[in-house]
């Protein structure tokens, strides 16, 4: 049977998808592209915003538009947090919990057996553990990330923080770390499969090792991975500011195979709002982390997430955030307008900000972020940067394409022999969306 996957949300979800694909391939299923005609469609959902929920539901409709007789499996954070609601979505056959993703083959077989019975058109099978209880966190080696040239390695899951706006803690449970031995084995497996970039993922990545006996640091894990043999580089997914220690910053300066890029969620530059959001840092601490990272790593790629229009955000509070964005050397900025999420602490907050004000503040920060991104790209002109070349060409220009170590998209002319290699590219032209360059002569 052919199975197609649609993956929404974070890089941890991308790792989860790859693991589910591996499990199904081992059971004899065939994996096809998300737009292809398939017997089964798996929607790996996200619930970080109301728009994410909507996109997850829309993915079901899009899949059934390709094959209205297909089985549909609905998994991920939306499925975990809203199982009863998800079960009412027309066309679903299985609602699968986050802690049960590696049991996907058994869930599909159980549903197939039920489809042969008289009650085959009843409610979908809900296969879901209580993720708030202790559960056995497992990861498995993955040889292929379909359509990807980079491997995503999940080193921990869950989160022990209590941010007032966040639904993910309910969807992923408490923070649990994988064993170092298993992580290193998964990385070796991906390197042996030919991947040249390893992206370390987790729901609260920097808390890796805090729950192990004895406790370990995330930076010590990164160092152990960097010491493995082979031509590859390591990239970090989003990491909170208070989990970035001096050793991690030093490793980024010392080791060429650790990408010079941090994505550090900010959310707000105002201390009152950060407190109401229940973030575990203030604006001064965030600035200090960024300063230490940039001082030691000039030219660092720096991304951040920001929420505008959080309940009670005044013009003065927003101005504190705007000024902070202006002051710090961000190279990418993801700006979200706040929307209440059921089950979160902030859902009951008063003093909601009008939609028109949220829209205007979003526009201001987005334009500022685009301006700073352009300035950073301009600083790369005539510089040579390491680029991991993807296995497919730009569909519009036919040029080779990839990302620099600072996570800037780069395109250049060259033959197929450069694909899936890390090559030096000299930057020559800058555009709004991309930079172009050439291989050294």
Protein backbone atom coordinates (compact mmCIF):
# COMPACT_ATOMS: atom_id res chain seq x y z
CA UNK A 1 0.00 0.00 0.00
CA UNK A 2 1.17 3.52 -0.80
CA UNK A 3 1.44 6.03 2.06
CA UNK A 4 1.84 9.82 1.70
CA UNK A 5 2.78 12.21 4.51
CA UNK A 6 1.96 15.88 5.07
CA UNK A 7 4.08 17.43 7.83
CA UNK A 8 3.22 20.73 9.49
CA UNK A 9 5.14 22.69 12.11
CA UNK A 10 8.54 22.20 13.67
CA UNK A 11 11.66 20.22 12.85
CA UNK A 12 10.82 17.75 15.60
CA UNK A 13 7.72 16.89 13.59
CA UNK A 14 9.93 16.35 10.55
CA UNK A 15 11.98 13.87 12.55
CA UNK A 16 8.79 12.16 13.75
CA UNK A 17 7.59 11.86 10.16
CA UNK A 18 10.88 10.28 9.07
CA UNK A 19 10.64 7.76 11.91
CA UNK A 20 7.05 6.84 11.01
CA UNK A 21 8.06 6.44 7.37
CA UNK A 22 10.88 4.13 8.43
CA UNK A 23 8.51 2.01 10.53
CA UNK A 24 6.04 1.68 7.66
CA UNK A 25 8.72 0.85 5.10
CA UNK A 26 9.95 -1.92 7.39
CA UNK A 27 6.37 -3.26 7.40
CA UNK A 28 6.23 -3.33 3.60
CA UNK A 29 4.42 -0.06 2.88
CA UNK A 30 5.64 2.22 0.06
CA UNK A 31 6.21 5.93 0.77
CA UNK A 32 5.16 8.43 -1.92
CA UNK A 33 5.02 12.21 -2.17
CA UNK A 34 2.31 14.20 -0.38
CA UNK A 35 0.70 15.23 -3.68
CA UNK A 36 0.61 11.72 -5.14
CA UNK A 37 -2.28 9.27 -5.26
CA UNK A 38 -1.96 7.10 -2.15
CA UNK A 39 -3.92 4.47 -0.24
CA UNK A 40 -3.15 6.13 3.10
CA UNK A 41 -2.46 9.77 3.99
CA UNK A 42 -0.76 10.67 7.27
CA UNK A 43 -1.22 14.25 8.51
CA UNK A 44 1.43 15.13 11.13
CA UNK A 45 -0.19 18.18 12.67
CA UNK A 46 0.82 21.35 14.51
CA UNK A 47 -1.22 23.34 17.04
CA UNK A 48 1.06 26.25 17.94
CA UNK A 49 -1.51 28.77 16.57
CA UNK A 50 -5.16 28.74 15.47
CA UNK A 51 -3.87 28.99 11.90
CA UNK A 52 -1.86 25.80 12.46
CA UNK A 53 -5.06 24.00 13.49
CA UNK A 54 -6.82 25.27 10.38
CA UNK A 55 -3.93 24.20 8.14
CA UNK A 56 -3.97 20.73 9.72
CA UNK A 57 -7.69 20.31 8.99
CA UNK A 58 -7.19 21.64 5.46
CA UNK A 59 -4.48 19.02 4.86
CA UNK A 60 -7.12 16.33 5.37
CA UNK A 61 -9.35 17.88 2.71
CA UNK A 62 -6.45 18.23 0.28
CA UNK A 63 -5.48 14.59 0.73
CA UNK A 64 -9.02 13.31 0.21
CA UNK A 65 -9.33 15.50 -2.88
CA UNK A 66 -6.54 13.40 -4.40
CA UNK A 67 -8.11 10.09 -3.36
CA UNK A 68 -11.49 10.30 -1.64
CA UNK A 69 -11.36 6.60 -0.78
CA UNK A 70 -8.04 6.77 1.08
CA UNK A 71 -7.47 6.07 4.75
CA UNK A 72 -6.40 9.16 6.72
CA UNK A 73 -4.24 9.09 9.85
CA UNK A 74 -4.24 12.29 11.95
CA UNK A 75 -1.34 12.61 14.37
CA UNK A 76 0.89 15.27 15.97
CA UNK A 77 0.19 18.06 18.45
CA UNK A 78 -3.29 19.04 17.26
CA UNK A 79 -4.36 15.39 17.39
CA UNK A 80 -2.87 15.00 20.87
CA UNK A 81 -4.42 18.14 22.37
CA UNK A 82 -7.84 17.89 20.71
CA UNK A 83 -8.48 14.20 20.12
CA UNK A 84 -12.27 14.43 20.49
CA UNK A 85 -12.45 17.43 18.18
CA UNK A 86 -10.16 15.74 15.66
CA UNK A 87 -12.28 12.60 15.70
CA UNK A 88 -15.18 14.66 14.29
CA UNK A 89 -13.23 15.76 11.19
CA UNK A 90 -14.86 14.09 8.16
CA UNK A 91 -12.75 11.41 6.51
CA UNK A 92 -10.46 10.50 9.40
CA UNK A 93 -9.74 6.84 10.16
CA UNK A 94 -7.08 7.02 12.90
CA UNK A 95 -6.23 9.67 15.51
CA UNK A 96 -2.73 8.86 16.74
CA UNK A 97 -1.05 10.36 19.83
CA UNK A 98 2.44 11.84 19.95
CA UNK A 99 3.66 9.10 22.28
CA UNK A 100 2.27 6.45 19.92
CA UNK A 101 3.76 7.50 16.60
CA UNK A 102 6.09 4.50 16.38
CA UNK A 103 2.98 2.29 16.72
CA UNK A 104 1.56 3.66 13.47
CA UNK A 105 1.79 0.36 11.59
CA UNK A 106 -0.23 -1.48 14.26
CA UNK A 107 -2.82 1.32 14.33
CA UNK A 108 -3.24 1.17 10.54
CA UNK A 109 -3.57 -2.63 10.57
CA UNK A 110 -6.17 -2.47 13.34
CA UNK A 111 -8.18 0.08 11.34
CA UNK A 112 -7.91 -2.00 8.16
CA UNK A 113 -9.29 -4.98 10.03
CA UNK A 114 -12.20 -2.88 11.32
CA UNK A 115 -12.92 -1.63 7.81
CA UNK A 116 -13.70 -5.24 6.90
CA UNK A 117 -16.39 -5.37 9.59
CA UNK A 118 -19.97 -4.16 9.40
CA UNK A 119 -19.24 -1.09 11.55
CA UNK A 120 -16.53 0.13 9.20
CA UNK A 121 -18.02 3.61 8.88
CA UNK A 122 -18.08 4.43 12.60
CA UNK A 123 -15.89 6.93 14.41
CA UNK A 124 -12.14 6.77 13.78
CA UNK A 125 -9.82 4.65 15.87
CA UNK A 126 -8.25 6.79 18.61
CA UNK A 127 -4.87 5.33 19.58
CA UNK A 128 -3.47 7.65 22.23
CA UNK A 129 -1.58 7.34 25.52
CA UNK A 130 -1.79 9.83 28.38
CA UNK A 131 1.27 11.91 27.57
CA UNK A 132 1.15 13.64 30.96
CA UNK A 133 2.16 10.35 32.58
CA UNK A 134 5.59 8.75 32.40
CA UNK A 135 6.09 7.12 29.01
CA UNK A 136 8.87 5.32 27.18
CA UNK A 137 10.55 7.88 24.92
CA UNK A 138 12.09 6.12 21.92
CA UNK A 139 13.86 7.22 18.79
CA UNK A 140 14.99 5.00 15.93
CA UNK A 141 17.69 5.25 13.25
CA UNK A 142 16.44 6.80 10.02
CA UNK A 143 18.12 6.22 6.65
CA UNK A 144 15.94 8.52 4.58
CA UNK A 145 14.27 11.89 5.05
CA UNK A 146 12.07 11.89 1.96
CA UNK A 147 12.66 15.03 -0.09
CA UNK A 148 15.35 16.27 2.31
CA UNK A 149 19.14 16.54 2.06
CA UNK A 150 19.49 17.07 5.81
CA UNK A 151 18.89 14.64 8.66
CA UNK A 152 16.85 15.65 11.71
CA UNK A 153 17.90 13.95 14.94
CA UNK A 154 15.55 14.28 17.93
CA UNK A 155 17.57 14.37 21.16
CA UNK A 156 14.75 15.21 23.60
CA UNK A 157 11.03 15.83 23.69
CA UNK A 158 8.58 17.58 25.96
CA UNK A 159 8.94 20.69 28.08
CA UNK A 160 8.79 21.51 31.80
CA UNK A 161 8.26 25.26 31.29
CA UNK A 162 4.83 26.81 31.90
CA UNK A 163 4.67 29.61 29.31
CA UNK A 164 1.20 31.09 29.55
CA UNK A 165 0.61 31.24 25.77
CA UNK A 166 1.85 27.76 24.83
CA UNK A 167 -0.16 24.63 24.04
CA UNK A 168 2.82 22.45 23.16
CA UNK A 169 3.58 21.41 26.74
CA UNK A 170 0.18 19.68 26.84
CA UNK A 171 0.84 18.01 23.50
CA UNK A 172 4.36 16.76 24.19
CA UNK A 173 4.41 16.08 27.94
CA UNK A 174 7.29 16.53 30.35
CA UNK A 175 10.89 16.95 29.19
CA UNK A 176 12.60 13.62 28.46
CA UNK A 177 16.07 13.11 26.99
CA UNK A 178 17.18 10.32 24.71
CA UNK A 179 20.32 8.47 25.78
CA UNK A 180 23.62 9.78 24.45
CA UNK A 181 24.46 6.32 23.10
CA UNK A 182 21.24 6.16 21.11
CA UNK A 183 21.65 9.70 19.78
CA UNK A 184 25.21 9.03 18.59
CA UNK A 185 24.03 5.81 16.97
CA UNK A 186 21.24 7.67 15.15
CA UNK A 187 23.73 10.31 13.95
CA UNK A 188 26.17 7.64 12.70
CA UNK A 189 23.30 5.94 10.89
CA UNK A 190 22.35 9.17 9.10
CA UNK A 191 25.98 9.90 8.18
CA UNK A 192 26.36 6.39 6.78
CA UNK A 193 23.24 7.02 4.69
CA UNK A 194 25.01 9.99 3.08
CA UNK A 195 23.58 13.00 4.89
CA UNK A 196 25.98 15.93 5.26
CA UNK A 197 23.99 18.05 7.70
CA UNK A 198 22.63 16.90 11.05
CA UNK A 199 19.99 19.15 12.60
CA UNK A 200 19.50 18.53 16.31
CA UNK A 201 15.87 18.93 17.32
CA UNK A 202 13.77 18.88 20.45
CA UNK A 203 10.76 20.58 21.96
CA UNK A 204 13.02 22.36 24.49
CA UNK A 205 16.35 21.46 22.93
CA UNK A 206 18.73 23.03 25.43
CA UNK A 207 17.27 21.09 28.36
CA UNK A 208 18.74 17.87 27.00
CA UNK A 209 20.42 15.93 29.78
CA UNK A 210 18.84 17.74 32.72
CA UNK A 211 16.74 14.63 33.48
CA UNK A 212 19.51 12.04 33.07
CA UNK A 213 21.53 10.41 35.85
CA UNK A 214 24.04 11.89 36.18
CA UNK A 215 22.84 15.12 34.51
CA UNK A 216 24.51 16.12 31.23
CA UNK A 217 24.76 19.39 29.37
CA UNK A 218 23.52 19.95 25.85
CA UNK A 219 26.87 21.46 24.89
CA UNK A 220 28.66 18.24 25.92
CA UNK A 221 26.36 16.25 23.62
CA UNK A 222 27.02 18.65 20.74
CA UNK A 223 30.77 18.28 21.27
CA UNK A 224 30.51 14.48 21.21
CA UNK A 225 28.63 14.64 17.89
CA UNK A 226 31.14 17.08 16.38
CA UNK A 227 33.92 14.62 17.26
CA UNK A 228 32.43 11.86 15.09
CA UNK A 229 34.31 11.00 11.91
CA UNK A 230 33.10 12.16 8.53
CA UNK A 231 32.53 15.21 6.34
CA UNK A 232 29.41 16.78 7.84
CA UNK A 233 28.14 19.75 9.79
CA UNK A 234 25.74 20.16 12.70
CA UNK A 235 22.92 22.70 12.89
CA UNK A 236 20.91 23.56 16.00
CA UNK A 237 17.18 24.10 15.87
CA UNK A 238 15.47 26.61 18.15
CA UNK A 239 17.06 26.91 21.61
CA UNK A 240 15.95 29.08 24.53
CA UNK A 241 18.36 31.78 25.77
CA UNK A 242 18.92 30.45 29.28
CA UNK A 243 20.04 27.07 27.90
CA UNK A 244 22.91 28.56 25.86
CA UNK A 245 26.03 28.13 27.99
CA UNK A 246 29.50 29.52 27.35
CA UNK A 247 30.79 26.15 26.12
CA UNK A 248 28.17 26.02 23.34
CA UNK A 249 29.18 29.51 22.22
CA UNK A 250 32.84 28.48 22.30
CA UNK A 251 32.15 25.35 20.25
CA UNK A 252 30.49 27.48 17.58
CA UNK A 253 33.63 29.64 17.42
CA UNK A 254 36.09 26.74 17.53
CA UNK A 255 34.53 24.14 15.26
CA UNK A 256 34.00 24.63 11.54
CA UNK A 257 31.47 21.78 11.48
CA UNK A 258 29.03 23.55 13.85
CA UNK A 259 26.89 25.98 11.85
CA UNK A 260 27.25 29.58 12.96
CA UNK A 261 23.56 30.05 13.59
CA UNK A 262 21.31 30.40 16.63
CA UNK A 263 17.53 30.65 16.61
CA UNK A 264 16.70 32.09 20.05
CA UNK A 265 13.00 32.76 20.76
CA UNK A 266 12.47 36.27 22.15
CA UNK A 267 8.66 36.67 22.21
CA UNK A 268 8.86 40.17 23.74
CA UNK A 269 11.43 42.79 24.64
CA UNK A 270 9.37 44.07 27.58
CA UNK A 271 9.98 42.63 31.06
CA UNK A 272 6.37 43.01 32.19
CA UNK A 273 5.12 41.01 29.22
CA UNK A 274 7.87 38.41 29.56
CA UNK A 275 6.75 37.91 33.16
CA UNK A 276 3.08 37.56 32.11
CA UNK A 277 4.17 35.11 29.43
CA UNK A 278 6.01 33.19 32.18
CA UNK A 279 9.26 33.16 30.23
CA UNK A 280 12.32 32.28 32.33
CA UNK A 281 14.42 35.31 31.31
CA UNK A 282 14.18 39.08 31.11
CA UNK A 283 15.24 41.48 28.36
CA UNK A 284 18.65 42.15 29.90
CA UNK A 285 19.44 38.43 30.11
CA UNK A 286 18.42 37.94 26.49
CA UNK A 287 20.62 40.81 25.36
CA UNK A 288 23.52 39.38 27.35
CA UNK A 289 23.24 35.97 25.71
CA UNK A 290 23.15 37.51 22.23
CA UNK A 291 26.10 39.79 23.02
CA UNK A 292 28.24 36.89 24.24
CA UNK A 293 27.33 34.81 21.20
CA UNK A 294 27.99 37.59 18.66
CA UNK A 295 31.20 38.82 20.34
CA UNK A 296 32.65 35.33 20.06
CA UNK A 297 31.10 34.59 16.65
CA UNK A 298 31.15 37.70 14.42
CA UNK A 299 28.82 37.26 11.46
CA UNK A 300 26.56 34.92 13.43
CA UNK A 301 23.20 34.06 11.88
CA UNK A 302 20.58 35.00 14.47
CA UNK A 303 16.87 34.21 14.29
CA UNK A 304 14.04 34.87 16.74
CA UNK A 305 10.31 34.44 17.29
CA UNK A 306 8.21 37.37 18.52
CA UNK A 307 4.58 37.61 19.60
CA UNK A 308 2.78 40.93 19.10
CA UNK A 309 -0.52 41.85 20.66
CA UNK A 310 -0.19 39.71 23.78
CA UNK A 311 -2.98 40.67 26.25
CA UNK A 312 -2.15 43.96 27.93
CA UNK A 313 0.60 44.97 25.47
CA UNK A 314 0.69 48.77 25.50
CA UNK A 315 2.36 51.03 22.95
CA UNK A 316 5.25 51.52 25.36
CA UNK A 317 5.68 47.75 25.80
CA UNK A 318 5.63 47.25 22.04
CA UNK A 319 8.18 50.02 21.64
CA UNK A 320 10.51 48.16 24.02
CA UNK A 321 10.27 45.15 21.72
CA UNK A 322 10.73 47.22 18.56
CA UNK A 323 13.79 48.94 20.02
CA UNK A 324 15.29 45.61 21.04
CA UNK A 325 14.84 44.21 17.54
CA UNK A 326 16.45 47.34 16.14
CA UNK A 327 19.41 47.04 18.52
CA UNK A 328 20.23 43.36 18.08
CA UNK A 329 21.79 41.82 14.93
CA UNK A 330 18.89 39.59 13.90
CA UNK A 331 19.17 37.98 10.47
CA UNK A 332 15.70 36.35 10.42
CA UNK A 333 12.56 37.22 12.36
CA UNK A 334 9.31 35.26 12.71
CA UNK A 335 6.52 37.55 13.92
CA UNK A 336 3.23 36.13 15.20
CA UNK A 337 0.07 37.96 16.17
CA UNK A 338 -1.24 36.58 19.45
CA UNK A 339 -4.37 34.44 19.37
CA UNK A 340 -5.84 32.78 22.49
CA UNK A 341 -5.27 29.03 22.75
CA UNK A 342 -7.72 26.90 24.70
CA UNK A 343 -6.19 25.34 27.80
CA UNK A 344 -3.42 27.91 28.24
CA UNK A 345 -3.01 30.37 31.11
CA UNK A 346 -3.25 33.36 28.80
CA UNK A 347 -6.60 32.25 27.39
CA UNK A 348 -8.31 33.84 30.38
CA UNK A 349 -6.33 37.08 30.33
CA UNK A 350 -8.24 40.31 29.81
CA UNK A 351 -7.12 43.46 27.98
CA UNK A 352 -6.94 41.81 24.59
CA UNK A 353 -5.30 43.98 21.94
CA UNK A 354 -7.54 44.97 18.98
CA UNK A 355 -6.93 43.02 15.76
CA UNK A 356 -6.09 46.16 13.80
CA UNK A 357 -3.38 47.08 16.33
CA UNK A 358 -1.95 43.55 16.22
CA UNK A 359 -1.85 43.74 12.43
CA UNK A 360 -0.05 47.08 12.46
CA UNK A 361 2.53 45.96 15.04
CA UNK A 362 3.11 42.76 13.10
CA UNK A 363 3.69 44.80 9.95
CA UNK A 364 6.17 47.11 11.70
CA UNK A 365 8.30 44.29 13.08
CA UNK A 366 8.08 42.21 9.90
CA UNK A 367 9.34 45.15 7.82
CA UNK A 368 12.09 45.80 10.34
CA UNK A 369 13.06 42.13 10.26
CA UNK A 370 13.17 42.15 6.45
CA UNK A 371 15.36 45.25 6.55
CA UNK A 372 17.82 43.63 8.95
CA UNK A 373 17.84 40.42 6.89
CA UNK A 374 18.74 42.43 3.79
CA UNK A 375 21.54 44.23 5.67
CA UNK A 376 22.99 40.91 6.76
CA UNK A 377 22.89 39.53 3.24
CA UNK A 378 24.57 42.66 1.92
CA UNK A 379 27.39 42.07 4.42
CA UNK A 380 28.07 38.73 2.69
CA UNK A 381 28.79 40.32 -0.71
CA UNK A 382 32.23 39.26 -2.01
CA UNK A 383 32.65 36.84 0.90
CA UNK A 384 33.06 33.07 0.51
CA UNK A 385 30.63 31.01 2.58
CA UNK A 386 30.19 27.22 3.03
CA UNK A 387 27.00 25.98 1.35
CA UNK A 388 25.41 22.54 1.60
CA UNK A 389 24.12 21.90 -1.93
CA UNK A 390 20.67 20.31 -2.16
CA UNK A 391 19.87 17.30 -4.33
CA UNK A 392 17.46 19.27 -6.52
CA UNK A 393 17.85 22.44 -8.54
CA UNK A 394 15.89 25.66 -8.27
CA UNK A 395 12.72 24.91 -10.30
CA UNK A 396 12.63 28.46 -11.72
CA UNK A 397 16.27 29.06 -12.64
CA UNK A 398 17.72 25.56 -12.90
CA UNK A 399 20.64 26.66 -10.71
CA UNK A 400 22.11 24.70 -7.84
CA UNK A 401 20.85 25.83 -4.44
CA UNK A 402 21.54 25.35 -0.75
CA UNK A 403 22.00 27.11 2.57
CA UNK A 404 25.06 28.73 4.08
CA UNK A 405 26.19 27.89 7.61
CA UNK A 406 24.34 31.05 8.75
CA UNK A 407 21.14 29.70 7.14
CA UNK A 408 21.05 32.00 4.14
CA UNK A 409 19.64 30.51 0.89
CA UNK A 410 22.25 30.63 -1.87
CA UNK A 411 22.08 29.71 -5.56
CA UNK A 412 24.91 29.27 -8.11
CA UNK A 413 25.78 27.62 -11.42
CA UNK A 414 27.38 24.19 -11.40
CA UNK A 415 27.12 20.52 -12.32
CA UNK A 416 25.26 17.77 -10.52
CA UNK A 417 28.51 16.49 -9.04
CA UNK A 418 28.30 19.27 -6.41
CA UNK A 419 25.00 18.01 -5.01
CA UNK A 420 24.99 16.87 -1.37
CA UNK A 421 28.41 18.40 -0.79
CA UNK A 422 29.51 21.31 1.38
CA UNK A 423 31.24 23.70 -1.01
CA UNK A 424 32.70 27.23 -0.76
CA UNK A 425 30.60 29.76 -2.69
CA UNK A 426 31.67 33.34 -3.31
CA UNK A 427 28.68 35.68 -2.95
CA UNK A 428 28.23 38.15 -5.81
CA UNK A 429 24.59 39.23 -6.03
CA UNK A 430 21.93 40.01 -3.41
CA UNK A 431 18.14 39.93 -3.89
CA UNK A 432 15.15 40.22 -1.58
CA UNK A 433 14.72 36.45 -1.35
CA UNK A 434 18.12 34.96 -2.02
CA UNK A 435 21.79 35.54 -2.64
CA UNK A 436 23.67 34.30 -5.67
CA UNK A 437 27.28 33.37 -6.09
CA UNK A 438 29.79 31.24 -7.88
CA UNK A 439 32.28 28.49 -7.13
CA UNK A 440 35.89 29.68 -6.72
CA UNK A 441 37.83 29.36 -9.95
